[in-house]
Amino acid sequence: MKTTNEKVGLDQKQIKQTIHKQILTVCFLPVIFAFLHLVFAYHMLSLVLEVIEVVDATMMLTITLSICSIDRFRQRKNVKFLI
């Protein structure tokens, strides 16, 4: 039985490439937007931490980047599982 992609004339290599692009878009687009959000929210977060007298911005940045790295690793592992 032919799949829809085969019916429109795509061979197996093209089907695999299409699926790969779609998975990357669905999985990594949220990560990119989260990073952009972090970039813009970092200043506000620093101000809030300064108000509650946590002024070590380097520590906050290190913890934030560590959490992002761990999440990125987990996301990458899930994408490899899907492909």
N, C-alpha and C. Protein backbone atom coordinates (compact mmCIF):
# COMPACT_ATOMS: atom_id res chain seq x y z
N MET A 1 0.85 -1.18 0.00
CA MET A 1 0.00 0.00 0.00
C MET A 1 0.89 1.25 0.00
N LYS A 2 0.59 2.17 -0.86
CA LYS A 2 1.40 3.39 -0.96
C LYS A 2 0.92 4.44 0.03
N THR A 3 1.90 5.17 0.57
CA THR A 3 1.55 6.27 1.47
C THR A 3 1.21 7.50 0.65
N THR A 4 0.69 8.51 1.31
CA THR A 4 0.32 9.75 0.62
C THR A 4 1.53 10.39 -0.05
N ASN A 5 2.67 10.38 0.64
CA ASN A 5 3.88 10.98 0.06
C ASN A 5 4.34 10.24 -1.18
N GLU A 6 4.20 8.92 -1.17
CA GLU A 6 4.58 8.15 -2.35
C GLU A 6 3.61 8.42 -3.50
N LYS A 7 2.35 8.66 -3.17
CA LYS A 7 1.35 8.93 -4.21
C LYS A 7 1.62 10.25 -4.93
N VAL A 8 2.21 11.22 -4.23
CA VAL A 8 2.52 12.50 -4.89
C VAL A 8 3.88 12.49 -5.56
N GLY A 9 4.58 11.38 -5.50
CA GLY A 9 5.82 11.25 -6.25
C GLY A 9 7.10 11.39 -5.46
N LEU A 10 7.05 11.31 -4.15
CA LEU A 10 8.27 11.39 -3.34
C LEU A 10 8.86 10.00 -3.14
N ASP A 11 10.18 9.90 -3.30
CA ASP A 11 10.82 8.62 -3.00
C ASP A 11 11.13 8.54 -1.50
N GLN A 12 11.65 7.42 -1.06
CA GLN A 12 11.89 7.19 0.37
C GLN A 12 12.87 8.22 0.96
N LYS A 13 13.90 8.60 0.20
CA LYS A 13 14.87 9.58 0.69
C LYS A 13 14.20 10.93 0.93
N GLN A 14 13.37 11.36 0.00
CA GLN A 14 12.67 12.64 0.14
C GLN A 14 11.67 12.60 1.29
N ILE A 15 11.01 11.45 1.47
CA ILE A 15 10.07 11.30 2.58
C ILE A 15 10.81 11.43 3.91
N LYS A 16 11.96 10.77 4.01
CA LYS A 16 12.76 10.82 5.24
C LYS A 16 13.23 12.24 5.52
N GLN A 17 13.68 12.96 4.48
CA GLN A 17 14.12 14.34 4.65
C GLN A 17 12.97 15.24 5.11
N THR A 18 11.80 15.04 4.55
CA THR A 18 10.63 15.84 4.93
C THR A 18 10.27 15.61 6.39
N ILE A 19 10.24 14.35 6.80
CA ILE A 19 9.92 14.02 8.20
C ILE A 19 10.97 14.59 9.13
N HIS A 20 12.25 14.49 8.75
CA HIS A 20 13.34 15.01 9.57
C HIS A 20 13.19 16.52 9.77
N LYS A 21 12.90 17.25 8.71
CA LYS A 21 12.72 18.71 8.81
C LYS A 21 11.55 19.06 9.71
N GLN A 22 10.46 18.31 9.58
CA GLN A 22 9.27 18.59 10.40
C GLN A 22 9.55 18.33 11.88
N ILE A 23 10.25 17.25 12.18
CA ILE A 23 10.57 16.93 13.57
C ILE A 23 11.49 18.00 14.16
N LEU A 24 12.50 18.42 13.41
CA LEU A 24 13.39 19.47 13.90
C LEU A 24 12.64 20.77 14.16
N THR A 25 11.73 21.11 13.26
CA THR A 25 10.95 22.33 13.44
C THR A 25 10.08 22.25 14.69
N VAL A 26 9.39 21.14 14.85
CA VAL A 26 8.48 20.99 15.99
C VAL A 26 9.24 20.92 17.31
N CYS A 27 10.40 20.29 17.32
CA CYS A 27 11.13 20.09 18.57
C CYS A 27 12.02 21.27 18.95
N PHE A 28 12.64 21.92 17.99
CA PHE A 28 13.61 22.95 18.33
C PHE A 28 13.06 24.37 18.29
N LEU A 29 11.94 24.58 17.65
CA LEU A 29 11.35 25.91 17.65
C LEU A 29 10.99 26.38 19.06
N PRO A 30 10.39 25.53 19.90
CA PRO A 30 10.13 25.97 21.28
C PRO A 30 11.41 26.29 22.06
N VAL A 31 12.48 25.56 21.80
CA VAL A 31 13.75 25.82 22.48
C VAL A 31 14.29 27.19 22.07
N ILE A 32 14.20 27.50 20.80
CA ILE A 32 14.68 28.79 20.30
C ILE A 32 13.88 29.94 20.92
N PHE A 33 12.55 29.78 20.96
CA PHE A 33 11.72 30.83 21.56
C PHE A 33 11.97 30.95 23.05
N ALA A 34 12.21 29.84 23.72
CA ALA A 34 12.52 29.89 25.16
C ALA A 34 13.82 30.64 25.40
N PHE A 35 14.81 30.41 24.56
CA PHE A 35 16.08 31.12 24.70
C PHE A 35 15.89 32.62 24.47
N LEU A 36 15.11 32.98 23.45
CA LEU A 36 14.84 34.40 23.21
C LEU A 36 14.10 35.03 24.39
N HIS A 37 13.17 34.29 24.95
CA HIS A 37 12.45 34.78 26.13
C HIS A 37 13.42 35.00 27.28
N LEU A 38 14.34 34.06 27.48
CA LEU A 38 15.33 34.18 28.54
C LEU A 38 16.21 35.41 28.35
N VAL A 39 16.60 35.66 27.11
CA VAL A 39 17.45 36.82 26.83
C VAL A 39 16.75 38.11 27.24
N PHE A 40 15.47 38.23 26.91
CA PHE A 40 14.74 39.46 27.24
C PHE A 40 14.32 39.51 28.71
N ALA A 41 14.09 38.36 29.32
CA ALA A 41 13.63 38.34 30.71
C ALA A 41 14.78 38.41 31.71
N TYR A 42 16.00 38.20 31.25
CA TYR A 42 17.15 38.16 32.16
C TYR A 42 17.30 39.48 32.94
N HIS A 43 17.13 40.58 32.27
CA HIS A 43 17.28 41.88 32.94
C HIS A 43 16.23 42.05 34.04
N MET A 44 14.99 41.72 33.74
CA MET A 44 13.93 41.83 34.73
C MET A 44 14.18 40.88 35.90
N LEU A 45 14.61 39.69 35.60
CA LEU A 45 14.93 38.72 36.65
C LEU A 45 16.06 39.22 37.54
N SER A 46 17.05 39.85 36.93
CA SER A 46 18.15 40.42 37.71
C SER A 46 17.65 41.51 38.65
N LEU A 47 16.74 42.35 38.17
CA LEU A 47 16.18 43.40 39.02
C LEU A 47 15.39 42.82 40.20
N VAL A 48 14.62 41.78 39.94
CA VAL A 48 13.85 41.15 41.02
C VAL A 48 14.79 40.54 42.05
N LEU A 49 15.83 39.87 41.59
CA LEU A 49 16.79 39.28 42.52
C LEU A 49 17.53 40.35 43.31
N GLU A 50 17.77 41.48 42.70
CA GLU A 50 18.43 42.58 43.41
C GLU A 50 17.52 43.12 44.52
N VAL A 51 16.23 43.18 44.27
CA VAL A 51 15.28 43.66 45.28
C VAL A 51 15.26 42.73 46.49
N ILE A 52 15.35 41.43 46.25
CA ILE A 52 15.36 40.49 47.38
C ILE A 52 16.78 40.20 47.86
N GLU A 53 17.70 41.06 47.44
CA GLU A 53 19.08 41.06 47.89
C GLU A 53 19.88 39.81 47.51
N VAL A 54 19.57 39.27 46.37
CA VAL A 54 20.42 38.24 45.77
C VAL A 54 21.11 38.93 44.61
N VAL A 55 22.32 39.39 44.84
CA VAL A 55 22.98 40.25 43.85
C VAL A 55 24.06 39.53 43.06
N ASP A 56 24.21 38.25 43.28
CA ASP A 56 25.24 37.51 42.55
C ASP A 56 24.68 37.09 41.18
N ALA A 57 24.77 37.99 40.23
CA ALA A 57 24.21 37.74 38.90
C ALA A 57 24.95 36.63 38.16
N THR A 58 26.24 36.48 38.43
CA THR A 58 27.02 35.43 37.79
C THR A 58 26.50 34.05 38.18
N MET A 59 26.18 33.89 39.46
CA MET A 59 25.64 32.61 39.92
C MET A 59 24.29 32.34 39.26
N MET A 60 23.45 33.37 39.18
CA MET A 60 22.14 33.20 38.57
C MET A 60 22.28 32.82 37.09
N LEU A 61 23.18 33.48 36.39
CA LEU A 61 23.40 33.17 34.98
C LEU A 61 23.94 31.76 34.81
N THR A 62 24.85 31.34 35.68
CA THR A 62 25.41 29.99 35.62
C THR A 62 24.33 28.94 35.83
N ILE A 63 23.49 29.15 36.83
CA ILE A 63 22.41 28.20 37.10
C ILE A 63 21.42 28.15 35.94
N THR A 64 21.07 29.31 35.41
CA THR A 64 20.12 29.38 34.29
C THR A 64 20.67 28.66 33.07
N LEU A 65 21.92 28.92 32.73
CA LEU A 65 22.52 28.26 31.56
C LEU A 65 22.69 26.76 31.78
N SER A 66 22.97 26.36 33.02
CA SER A 66 23.07 24.93 33.32
C SER A 66 21.73 24.23 33.10
N ILE A 67 20.67 24.85 33.58
CA ILE A 67 19.34 24.27 33.39
C ILE A 67 18.99 24.21 31.90
N CYS A 68 19.32 25.26 31.16
CA CYS A 68 19.06 25.26 29.71
C CYS A 68 19.87 24.17 29.01
N SER A 69 21.11 23.96 29.42
CA SER A 69 21.94 22.93 28.81
C SER A 69 21.39 21.54 29.08
N ILE A 70 20.96 21.31 30.31
CA ILE A 70 20.38 20.00 30.65
C ILE A 70 19.11 19.77 29.83
N ASP A 71 18.27 20.79 29.72
CA ASP A 71 17.04 20.64 28.95
C ASP A 71 17.34 20.42 27.48
N ARG A 72 18.33 21.12 26.97
CA ARG A 72 18.73 20.95 25.56
C ARG A 72 19.21 19.53 25.31
N PHE A 73 20.00 18.98 26.24
CA PHE A 73 20.49 17.61 26.11
C PHE A 73 19.32 16.63 26.10
N ARG A 74 18.36 16.83 27.00
CA ARG A 74 17.20 15.95 27.06
C ARG A 74 16.37 16.06 25.78
N GLN A 75 16.21 17.26 25.27
CA GLN A 75 15.45 17.49 24.04
C GLN A 75 16.14 16.80 22.87
N ARG A 76 17.44 16.92 22.80
CA ARG A 76 18.21 16.29 21.71
C ARG A 76 18.09 14.78 21.76
N LYS A 77 18.12 14.22 22.97
CA LYS A 77 17.98 12.79 23.15
C LYS A 77 16.60 12.32 22.66
N ASN A 78 15.56 13.10 22.94
CA ASN A 78 14.22 12.75 22.49
C ASN A 78 14.09 12.83 20.98
N VAL A 79 14.75 13.81 20.36
CA VAL A 79 14.68 13.94 18.91
C VAL A 79 15.37 12.75 18.25
N LYS A 80 16.51 12.32 18.77
CA LYS A 80 17.19 11.16 18.20
C LYS A 80 16.31 9.92 18.32
N PHE A 81 15.54 9.83 19.40
CA PHE A 81 14.64 8.70 19.58
C PHE A 81 13.54 8.72 18.52
N LEU A 82 13.04 9.91 18.18
CA LEU A 82 11.96 10.03 17.21
C LEU A 82 12.41 9.73 15.79
N ILE A 83 13.67 10.05 15.49
CA ILE A 83 14.18 9.87 14.12
C ILE A 83 14.60 8.48 13.93
